[in-house]
Amino acid sequence: MIDQATPAAGSGQNNPPDYETKAELARRLGVSERTIANLMGRGLPYLALTGKLRRFPRRAVDDWLASQQVRRA
C-alpha cells in the first residue's frame, strides 16, 4: 500500500525540508542568527545532534511561533 500523504520521489512537487539549519531558519523568518539563538533560550524547539550541530524541525518551530503571544507596548 502506498502512503498517499507522501509524494513519490520525482513527482515534481517542491516540498520544504523537514529540518532547517540556524541560517536557513533565520533567512526564512527574516531575522538574524543571533535572534534565533535568543529564541532557543526562550524555548524554540531544536534538535542537538552533535557538539554545536543543531537542526530546527520546521513544523515544531512554526507551531511554537504561532503559540507565542506578541506583546504590544
Protein backbone atom coordinates (compact mmCIF):
# COMPACT_ATOMS: atom_id res chain seq x y z
CA MET A 1 0.00 0.00 0.00
CA ILE A 2 1.35 3.44 -0.92
CA ASP A 3 1.09 6.27 1.59
CA GLN A 4 -0.82 8.92 -0.36
CA ALA A 5 0.19 11.70 2.06
CA THR A 6 3.82 11.38 0.98
CA PRO A 7 4.54 12.26 -2.65
CA ALA A 8 6.63 9.82 -4.63
CA ALA A 9 10.21 10.73 -5.45
CA GLY A 10 10.42 12.74 -8.65
CA SER A 11 6.75 13.71 -8.52
CA GLY A 12 7.66 17.30 -9.30
CA GLN A 13 6.39 18.69 -6.01
CA ASN A 14 8.71 21.13 -4.28
CA ASN A 15 8.20 20.39 -0.58
CA PRO A 16 10.23 22.32 2.02
CA PRO A 17 12.71 20.28 4.08
CA ASP A 18 11.57 18.90 7.43
CA TYR A 19 14.62 20.33 9.24
CA GLU A 20 16.48 23.61 8.82
CA THR A 21 19.85 24.95 9.91
CA LYS A 22 20.05 28.09 12.02
CA ALA A 23 20.99 30.12 8.93
CA GLU A 24 18.10 28.70 6.88
CA LEU A 25 15.62 29.36 9.69
CA ALA A 26 16.90 32.90 10.21
CA ARG A 27 16.61 33.62 6.48
CA ARG A 28 13.07 32.18 6.33
CA LEU A 29 11.92 34.24 9.33
CA GLY A 30 13.76 37.39 8.26
CA VAL A 31 15.81 37.68 11.47
CA SER A 32 19.45 37.32 12.43
CA GLU A 33 21.10 34.12 13.60
CA ARG A 34 21.61 35.86 16.96
CA THR A 35 17.83 36.26 17.26
CA ILE A 36 17.43 32.53 16.62
CA ALA A 37 19.96 31.85 19.40
CA ASN A 38 17.95 34.11 21.74
CA LEU A 39 14.74 32.29 20.83
CA MET A 40 16.44 28.95 21.55
CA GLY A 41 16.95 30.17 25.10
CA ARG A 42 13.25 31.01 25.30
CA GLY A 43 12.08 27.57 24.21
CA LEU A 44 12.36 27.45 20.41
CA PRO A 45 12.36 23.72 19.59
CA TYR A 46 15.54 22.26 18.11
CA LEU A 47 17.48 19.03 17.93
CA ALA A 48 21.03 18.95 19.31
CA LEU A 49 22.77 16.42 17.08
CA THR A 50 26.47 16.68 17.98
CA GLY A 51 28.54 19.40 19.62
CA LYS A 52 27.26 22.64 18.13
CA LEU A 53 25.26 20.99 15.33
CA ARG A 54 21.60 21.99 15.67
CA ARG A 55 18.61 21.40 13.43
CA PHE A 56 15.21 23.02 13.70
CA PRO A 57 12.11 20.94 12.87
CA ARG A 58 10.06 23.18 10.59
CA ARG A 59 6.60 22.14 11.80
CA ALA A 60 7.51 22.31 15.50
CA VAL A 61 9.10 25.74 15.04
CA ASP A 62 6.04 27.05 13.19
CA ASP A 63 3.72 25.68 15.91
CA TRP A 64 5.89 27.19 18.66
CA LEU A 65 5.96 30.60 16.97
CA ALA A 66 2.19 30.54 16.49
CA SER A 67 1.72 29.81 20.20
CA GLN A 68 3.77 32.79 21.35
CA GLN A 69 1.92 35.94 22.35
CA VAL A 70 3.02 39.22 20.86
CA ARG A 71 3.28 41.93 23.49
CA ARG A 72 2.44 45.41 22.33
CA ALA A 73 3.61 48.49 24.23
